[in-house]
Protein backbone atom coordinates (compact mmCIF):
# COMPACT_ATOMS: atom_id res chain seq x y z
CA UNK A 1 -0.07 -0.08 0.06
CA UNK A 2 2.79 2.37 0.80
CA UNK A 3 4.00 1.99 -2.92
CA UNK A 4 0.48 3.29 -4.32
CA UNK A 5 0.99 6.40 -2.01
CA UNK A 6 4.82 6.71 -2.83
CA UNK A 7 4.27 10.23 -4.76
CA UNK A 8 2.14 11.61 -1.55
CA UNK A 9 4.92 10.49 0.81
CA UNK A 10 7.66 12.23 -1.28
CA UNK A 11 5.53 15.30 -1.13
CA UNK A 12 4.80 15.45 2.70
CA UNK A 13 8.43 14.24 3.34
CA UNK A 14 9.55 17.37 1.34
CA UNK A 15 7.45 19.74 2.83
CA UNK A 16 8.30 18.65 6.32
CA UNK A 17 11.95 18.74 5.57
CA UNK A 18 11.43 22.32 4.30
CA UNK A 19 9.61 23.21 7.29
CA UNK A 20 6.52 24.13 5.40
CA UNK A 21 4.33 21.08 7.04
CA UNK A 22 4.69 20.82 10.74
CA UNK A 23 3.47 18.00 13.13
CA UNK A 24 2.07 19.76 16.32
CA UNK A 25 2.31 18.18 20.00
CA UNK A 26 -1.84 17.62 19.43
CA UNK A 27 -1.09 15.30 16.69
CA UNK A 28 -2.45 18.04 14.14
CA UNK A 29 -0.80 19.26 10.98
CA UNK A 30 0.30 22.73 10.16
CA UNK A 31 0.78 23.56 6.73
CA UNK A 32 2.53 27.29 5.93
CA UNK A 33 1.04 28.44 2.62
CA UNK A 34 3.62 30.04 0.04
CA UNK A 35 0.88 32.66 -1.17
CA UNK A 36 -1.74 33.82 1.09
CA UNK A 37 -5.30 33.49 -0.05
CA UNK A 38 -5.47 37.41 -0.35
CA UNK A 39 -8.76 39.20 0.54
CA UNK A 40 -10.01 40.89 3.63
CA UNK A 41 -8.60 38.34 6.01
CA UNK A 42 -5.82 36.30 4.18
CA UNK A 43 -5.53 32.77 5.15
CA UNK A 44 -1.54 32.38 5.81
CA UNK A 45 -1.54 28.54 6.85
CA UNK A 46 -4.02 25.66 6.80
CA UNK A 47 -4.38 23.51 10.54
CA UNK A 48 -5.32 19.81 9.81
CA UNK A 49 -7.36 18.38 12.46
CA UNK A 50 -6.23 14.68 13.52
CA UNK A 51 -9.43 13.59 13.36
CA UNK A 52 -12.49 14.42 11.74
CA UNK A 53 -16.00 12.65 12.30
CA UNK A 54 -18.33 11.82 9.70
CA UNK A 55 -20.97 14.33 9.90
CA UNK A 56 -18.46 16.87 9.28
CA UNK A 57 -17.39 15.25 6.25
CA UNK A 58 -21.35 14.76 5.05
CA UNK A 59 -21.86 18.47 5.43
CA UNK A 60 -18.46 19.49 3.40
CA UNK A 61 -19.61 17.16 0.96
CA UNK A 62 -23.12 18.53 0.26
CA UNK A 63 -23.63 19.52 -3.49
CA UNK A 64 -20.44 17.63 -4.60
CA UNK A 65 -21.22 14.63 -6.92
CA UNK A 66 -19.57 11.56 -6.51
CA UNK A 67 -17.58 11.53 -9.92
CA UNK A 68 -16.22 14.83 -9.06
CA UNK A 69 -12.57 13.67 -7.62
CA UNK A 70 -11.60 17.69 -7.47
CA UNK A 71 -14.57 18.67 -5.57
CA UNK A 72 -14.36 15.95 -2.87
CA UNK A 73 -10.75 16.57 -2.40
CA UNK A 74 -11.81 20.14 -1.73
CA UNK A 75 -14.51 19.21 0.47
CA UNK A 76 -12.61 16.73 2.58
CA UNK A 77 -9.41 19.61 3.28
CA UNK A 78 -12.54 22.08 4.09
CA UNK A 79 -13.51 19.38 6.66
CA UNK A 80 -9.98 18.89 8.02
CA UNK A 81 -9.29 22.20 8.27
CA UNK A 82 -12.61 24.05 9.42
CA UNK A 83 -11.86 26.51 6.30
CA UNK A 84 -14.91 26.95 3.78
CA UNK A 85 -14.37 25.72 0.35
CA UNK A 86 -14.36 29.18 -0.64
CA UNK A 87 -11.01 29.44 0.82
CA UNK A 88 -9.90 26.11 -0.43
CA UNK A 89 -10.67 27.06 -3.84
CA UNK A 90 -8.64 30.24 -3.49
CA UNK A 91 -5.45 28.40 -3.09
CA UNK A 92 -2.68 29.11 -5.13
CA UNK A 93 -1.86 26.04 -7.44
CA UNK A 94 1.68 26.19 -5.69
CA UNK A 95 0.00 25.59 -2.52
CA UNK A 96 -2.62 23.05 -3.74
CA UNK A 97 -0.39 19.97 -3.70
CA UNK A 98 0.16 19.44 -0.11
CA UNK A 99 -3.18 19.61 0.98
CA UNK A 100 -4.25 17.33 -1.55
CA UNK A 101 -1.44 14.81 -0.48
CA UNK A 102 -2.82 15.00 3.23
CA UNK A 103 -6.16 13.67 2.12
CA UNK A 104 -5.27 11.14 -0.55
CA UNK A 105 -2.54 9.71 2.22
CA UNK A 106 -4.52 10.14 5.29
CA UNK A 107 -7.95 9.67 4.20
């Protein structure tokens, strides 16, 4: 199974080595964005919860079609970070790969 997640593992290891991704004492992950989201209250980092319940995932997945892989990943990132989907959609492409790898590897 590790082989199937090789790309995500390498991406996450590189992010930790570069200091962009930090494992906190409470087992949450903190990802420091390369580019903030802009707007009135720009988001500069994403904190991923160590656990998320099914109800939170279901609420985040509302309106997302089963075949929409990108939409599902966005919804999972939103559920894990507590950020609205609009904030996740505002991420720069350079900042999207680490949250995507977290979702694919851990969920």
